[in-house]
Protein backbone atom coordinates (compact mmCIF):
# COMPACT_ATOMS: atom_id res chain seq x y z
CA MET A 1 14.02 8.12 45.03
CA ARG A 2 11.70 5.25 44.37
CA SER A 3 8.02 5.64 43.54
CA SER A 4 5.39 3.21 44.60
CA ILE A 5 3.04 1.90 41.91
CA ALA A 6 0.61 -0.86 42.67
CA ALA A 7 1.16 -4.08 40.74
CA ASP A 8 -2.49 -4.25 39.67
CA SER A 9 -2.12 -0.80 38.05
CA VAL A 10 0.87 -1.95 36.05
CA LEU A 11 -0.96 -5.11 34.96
CA ARG A 12 -4.04 -3.07 33.95
CA TRP A 13 -1.86 -0.68 31.91
CA GLN A 14 -0.13 -3.63 30.28
CA LYS A 15 -3.49 -5.21 29.39
CA ASP A 16 -4.74 -1.89 27.94
CA LEU A 17 -1.56 -1.56 25.88
CA PHE A 18 -1.89 -5.06 24.44
CA GLU A 19 -5.59 -4.61 23.66
CA ASN A 20 -5.44 -1.04 22.31
CA GLY A 21 -1.77 -0.60 21.53
CA ALA A 22 -2.21 -0.48 17.76
CA ALA A 23 -4.70 2.39 17.99
CA ALA A 24 -2.44 4.27 20.40
CA LEU A 25 0.57 3.91 18.12
CA GLN A 26 -1.14 4.76 14.82
CA SER A 27 -0.25 8.04 13.22
CA ASN A 28 -2.71 10.86 13.71
CA HIS A 29 -1.10 13.01 11.01
CA ARG A 30 -3.65 12.17 8.34
CA PRO A 31 -6.53 14.24 9.76
CA GLU A 32 -4.10 17.11 10.28
CA ARG A 33 -2.88 16.80 6.68
CA GLN A 34 -6.46 16.74 5.39
CA LEU A 35 -7.23 19.85 7.40
CA GLN A 36 -4.16 21.60 5.94
CA GLU A 37 -5.17 20.61 2.39
CA LYS A 38 -8.70 21.92 2.94
CA GLN A 39 -7.34 25.16 4.37
CA LYS A 40 -5.08 25.62 1.32
CA ARG A 41 -8.06 24.98 -0.98
CA ILE A 42 -10.15 27.57 0.90
CA GLU A 43 -7.36 30.14 0.64
CA PHE A 44 -6.97 29.42 -3.09
CA LEU A 45 -10.70 29.83 -3.72
CA GLN A 46 -10.84 33.03 -1.66
CA LYS A 47 -8.03 34.53 -3.75
CA LYS A 48 -9.79 33.43 -6.93
CA VAL A 49 -13.02 35.14 -5.83
CA GLN A 50 -11.11 38.30 -4.90
CA THR A 51 -9.47 38.34 -8.33
CA LYS A 52 -12.81 37.95 -10.07
CA ASP A 53 -14.39 40.62 -7.86
CA ALA A 54 -11.50 42.97 -8.68
CA GLY A 55 -12.08 42.36 -12.40
CA CYS A 56 -15.73 43.24 -12.01
CA GLY A 57 -14.76 46.34 -10.07
CA ARG A 58 -12.65 47.59 -12.99
CA SER A 59 -15.68 47.36 -15.26
CA GLY A 60 -17.76 49.41 -12.80
CA ARG A 61 -20.19 46.57 -12.15
CA GLN A 62 -21.11 44.84 -8.95
CA PRO A 63 -19.87 41.20 -8.64
CA GLY A 64 -23.38 39.79 -9.19
CA GLN A 65 -23.86 41.94 -12.29
CA CYS A 66 -20.50 40.87 -13.63
CA LEU A 67 -21.47 37.19 -13.42
CA ALA A 68 -24.86 37.82 -15.01
CA SER A 69 -23.19 39.75 -17.83
CA ALA A 70 -20.70 36.93 -18.42
CA ARG A 71 -23.51 34.36 -18.66
CA THR A 72 -25.47 36.58 -21.05
CA SER A 73 -22.51 37.20 -23.35
CA ARG A 74 -21.70 33.47 -23.50
CA THR A 75 -25.32 32.72 -24.37
CA ALA A 76 -25.31 35.43 -27.05
CA ILE A 77 -22.12 34.03 -28.58
CA ALA A 78 -23.56 30.54 -28.60
CA VAL A 79 -26.75 31.75 -30.29
CA GLU A 80 -24.91 33.87 -32.85
CA GLY A 81 -22.26 31.23 -33.59
């Protein structure tokens, strides 16, 4: 079975390849890798926040109160020391 492709189509495709071939053949993995790295960073930070929230929960404080308490105690240590 033989397909029929017009010669001008082949020449146009060839011209497009020569003019834009480098862009077509470049690797597109970099944006994907950056997206994966950002996703890993987000997951890491979410786990870190959950761990800190769990620590505040053990003390009976709300997460915002826990942070305020930590800032106050550091300031008190710095003033006393």
